[in-house]
Protein backbone atom coordinates (compact mmCIF):
# COMPACT_ATOMS: atom_id res chain seq x y z
CA UNK A 1 16.16 23.85 0.10
CA UNK A 2 16.71 27.40 1.34
CA UNK A 3 19.98 29.17 2.23
CA UNK A 4 19.88 27.77 5.77
CA UNK A 5 19.69 24.16 4.57
CA UNK A 6 16.02 23.87 5.49
CA UNK A 7 13.47 22.21 3.25
CA UNK A 8 9.99 23.44 2.60
CA UNK A 9 7.32 20.81 2.36
CA UNK A 10 4.06 21.61 0.64
CA UNK A 11 1.47 19.72 -1.29
CA UNK A 12 -0.50 20.36 -4.43
CA UNK A 13 -3.78 19.40 -6.02
CA UNK A 14 -2.03 16.25 -7.26
CA UNK A 15 -1.50 15.14 -3.64
CA UNK A 16 -5.13 15.93 -2.80
CA UNK A 17 -6.25 13.77 -5.71
CA UNK A 18 -4.07 10.88 -4.57
CA UNK A 19 -5.53 11.01 -1.06
CA UNK A 20 -9.07 11.28 -2.38
CA UNK A 21 -8.43 8.27 -4.65
CA UNK A 22 -8.05 5.99 -1.64
CA UNK A 23 -5.61 3.84 0.25
CA UNK A 24 -4.44 1.87 -2.79
CA UNK A 25 -3.35 5.08 -4.54
CA UNK A 26 -1.69 6.34 -1.36
CA UNK A 27 0.18 3.07 -0.88
CA UNK A 28 1.36 3.05 -4.49
CA UNK A 29 2.56 6.63 -4.27
CA UNK A 30 4.42 6.08 -0.99
CA UNK A 31 6.16 3.03 -2.43
CA UNK A 32 7.28 4.80 -5.62
CA UNK A 33 7.78 8.47 -4.75
CA UNK A 34 11.01 10.16 -3.81
CA UNK A 35 11.72 11.70 -0.41
CA UNK A 36 10.17 15.13 -1.05
CA UNK A 37 7.05 13.68 -2.65
CA UNK A 38 6.50 11.24 0.23
CA UNK A 39 6.74 14.06 2.73
CA UNK A 40 4.37 16.18 0.64
CA UNK A 41 1.80 13.40 0.55
CA UNK A 42 2.11 12.82 4.30
CA UNK A 43 1.59 16.54 4.91
CA UNK A 44 -1.49 16.39 2.69
CA UNK A 45 -2.74 13.39 4.66
CA UNK A 46 -2.48 15.45 7.83
CA UNK A 47 -5.18 17.73 6.46
CA UNK A 48 -7.47 14.88 5.45
CA UNK A 49 -7.10 12.99 8.73
CA UNK A 50 -7.54 16.02 10.98
CA UNK A 51 -11.17 16.23 12.15
CA UNK A 52 -10.93 20.03 12.16
CA UNK A 53 -11.13 20.10 8.36
CA UNK A 54 -14.26 17.93 8.29
CA UNK A 55 -13.13 15.25 5.86
CA UNK A 56 -14.76 11.96 6.65
CA UNK A 57 -12.78 9.52 4.55
CA UNK A 58 -14.56 6.18 4.18
CA UNK A 59 -11.13 4.51 4.05
CA UNK A 60 -9.75 6.21 7.18
CA UNK A 61 -8.94 2.92 8.95
CA UNK A 62 -7.19 1.62 5.84
CA UNK A 63 -4.97 4.70 5.84
CA UNK A 64 -4.06 4.21 9.50
CA UNK A 65 -3.12 0.60 8.77
CA UNK A 66 -1.13 1.69 5.73
CA UNK A 67 0.78 4.25 7.81
CA UNK A 68 1.63 1.58 10.38
CA UNK A 69 2.91 -0.74 7.65
CA UNK A 70 4.91 2.08 6.09
CA UNK A 71 6.85 2.49 9.34
CA UNK A 72 8.44 -0.89 8.73
CA UNK A 73 9.39 -0.07 5.15
CA UNK A 74 10.87 3.41 5.59
CA UNK A 75 14.48 4.08 6.43
CA UNK A 76 14.44 7.88 6.44
CA UNK A 77 14.18 9.46 9.89
CA UNK A 78 12.11 12.46 8.77
CA UNK A 79 9.57 10.31 6.97
CA UNK A 80 9.31 8.01 9.98
CA UNK A 81 8.79 11.06 12.20
CA UNK A 82 5.99 12.20 9.88
CA UNK A 83 4.41 8.75 10.04
CA UNK A 84 4.61 8.65 13.84
CA UNK A 85 3.12 12.14 14.03
CA UNK A 86 0.13 11.12 11.91
CA UNK A 87 -0.39 7.96 13.94
CA UNK A 88 -0.17 9.70 17.30
CA UNK A 89 -2.46 12.51 16.20
CA UNK A 90 -5.14 10.53 14.39
CA UNK A 91 -5.06 6.78 15.05
CA UNK A 92 -8.00 6.91 17.45
CA UNK A 93 -8.05 3.88 19.73
CA UNK A 94 -6.07 1.24 17.96
CA UNK A 95 -2.71 0.48 16.48
CA UNK A 96 -2.90 -3.30 16.37
CA UNK A 97 -0.53 -3.77 13.45
CA UNK A 98 2.21 -1.82 15.23
CA UNK A 99 1.49 -3.46 18.59
CA UNK A 100 1.61 -6.96 17.14
CA UNK A 101 5.00 -6.24 15.57
CA UNK A 102 6.55 -4.18 18.35
CA UNK A 103 9.44 -6.64 18.59
CA UNK A 104 10.32 -5.82 14.96
CA UNK A 105 10.56 -2.07 15.57
CA UNK A 106 14.08 -0.72 15.27
CA UNK A 107 15.54 0.11 18.70
CA UNK A 108 15.79 3.85 17.94
CA UNK A 109 12.07 3.87 17.04
CA UNK A 110 10.83 1.89 20.03
CA UNK A 111 10.04 4.88 22.27
CA UNK A 112 8.07 6.55 19.46
CA UNK A 113 6.18 3.33 18.78
CA UNK A 114 5.29 2.85 22.43
CA UNK A 115 4.24 6.46 22.72
CA UNK A 116 1.92 6.08 19.71
CA UNK A 117 0.44 2.92 21.20
CA UNK A 118 0.04 4.54 24.61
CA UNK A 119 -1.66 7.63 23.22
CA UNK A 120 -4.49 5.45 21.92
CA UNK A 121 -5.59 5.16 25.57
CA UNK A 122 -6.64 1.60 24.84
CA UNK A 123 -6.35 -0.68 27.85
CA UNK A 124 -5.80 -3.72 25.68
CA UNK A 125 -2.22 -2.49 25.23
CA UNK A 126 -1.43 -2.59 28.97
CA UNK A 127 0.24 -6.04 28.79
CA UNK A 128 2.44 -4.85 25.94
CA UNK A 129 3.42 -1.69 27.80
CA UNK A 130 4.16 -3.68 30.95
CA UNK A 131 6.85 -5.53 28.99
CA UNK A 132 8.73 -2.25 28.60
CA UNK A 133 8.33 -0.56 31.99
CA UNK A 134 11.74 -1.89 33.08
CA UNK A 135 13.45 -1.69 29.70
CA UNK A 136 17.18 -1.03 29.58
CA UNK A 137 16.69 2.17 27.59
CA UNK A 138 15.55 4.83 30.05
CA UNK A 139 13.56 6.73 27.43
CA UNK A 140 11.66 3.59 26.42
CA UNK A 141 11.12 2.83 30.10
CA UNK A 142 9.78 6.32 30.81
CA UNK A 143 7.43 6.28 27.80
CA UNK A 144 6.02 2.89 28.84
CA UNK A 145 5.58 3.98 32.46
CA UNK A 146 3.94 7.28 31.48
CA UNK A 147 1.52 5.44 29.20
CA UNK A 148 0.69 2.94 31.94
CA UNK A 149 0.10 5.77 34.40
CA UNK A 150 -2.31 7.48 32.00
CA UNK A 151 -4.13 4.23 31.30
CA UNK A 152 -4.55 3.58 35.01
CA UNK A 153 -6.58 6.81 35.23
CA UNK A 154 -9.17 5.52 32.75
């Protein structure tokens, strides 16, 4: 932590090796590591999932599933934000695990979850999003409606 109370997150060769070892190693690390180490591994994953860097992980889909599952196990807001960021940036066209369990998402995470699902641009999620277009939470409602509007353009 610096003098302003900010934390610096970085990753090392150790984190690279964990990612390169596969989804089982990533899952084990995320379940056992402390806060800083989890965030470091998630930052490292950002590099490996980003197409810009040219990694073509054979277990990419397993990682996306693992990240979705991790959302339901994490309590820390920053780690959840990191997970949502990775899912919205790299999940491609499907977040079935999250969609199938949307009713188990904590209320304060619902808008983020719907946004991630909407950003897949997958029309199979339209019925799910329709369930939230008149939600009592205006942010959730807006996210669902925006996603539906974007999907209607496809």
